[in-house]
């Protein structure tokens, strides 16, 4: 716990001293299932908290993290009657491609009904505080769902 607190303190201090930039926001995700999940469940909705930590020069990219809650509605007429509920913890790296276009890879864990390690390669567009992101969630070497995320970053500390 001490090490985590120290790391957070160092990252935030660097951000406020102007060596880096820090952003925090919220996002909503719409997830379209693939494969076996698409046979039993409709689309999913997710609510997330997002944090980014970037370096002074934007060309080096950002470390990204996300914590979220998701629910998938059950399809009528299948053996599974319940909705799926999951919490997720993600960490990743975002690299700029063009002025506002980026590629991103997140790694993380789903807890709950959809339990397991996932990898999410994604592409996105950042326009001021608004972020649009399209990714594919991969679990056990197969795509589980397409994730369309819209985020608004309400706390942004840019380096000078």
Foldseek 3Di string as FASTA:
>chain_A
DVVVVVVVVVQVVCLVVQQWKKWKWKKKKWKQFDDPCNVWWGIKIKIKIKMWIGGQDCQVWIKIKMKMKMWTATDPPDPDHDIWIKIKIKIWTWHDDDDFKIWIKIWIFIDGRPTAIWIWTWIWGDDPQKIWIWIFIDGPNHTTIIMTMIIGTPDMRHGD
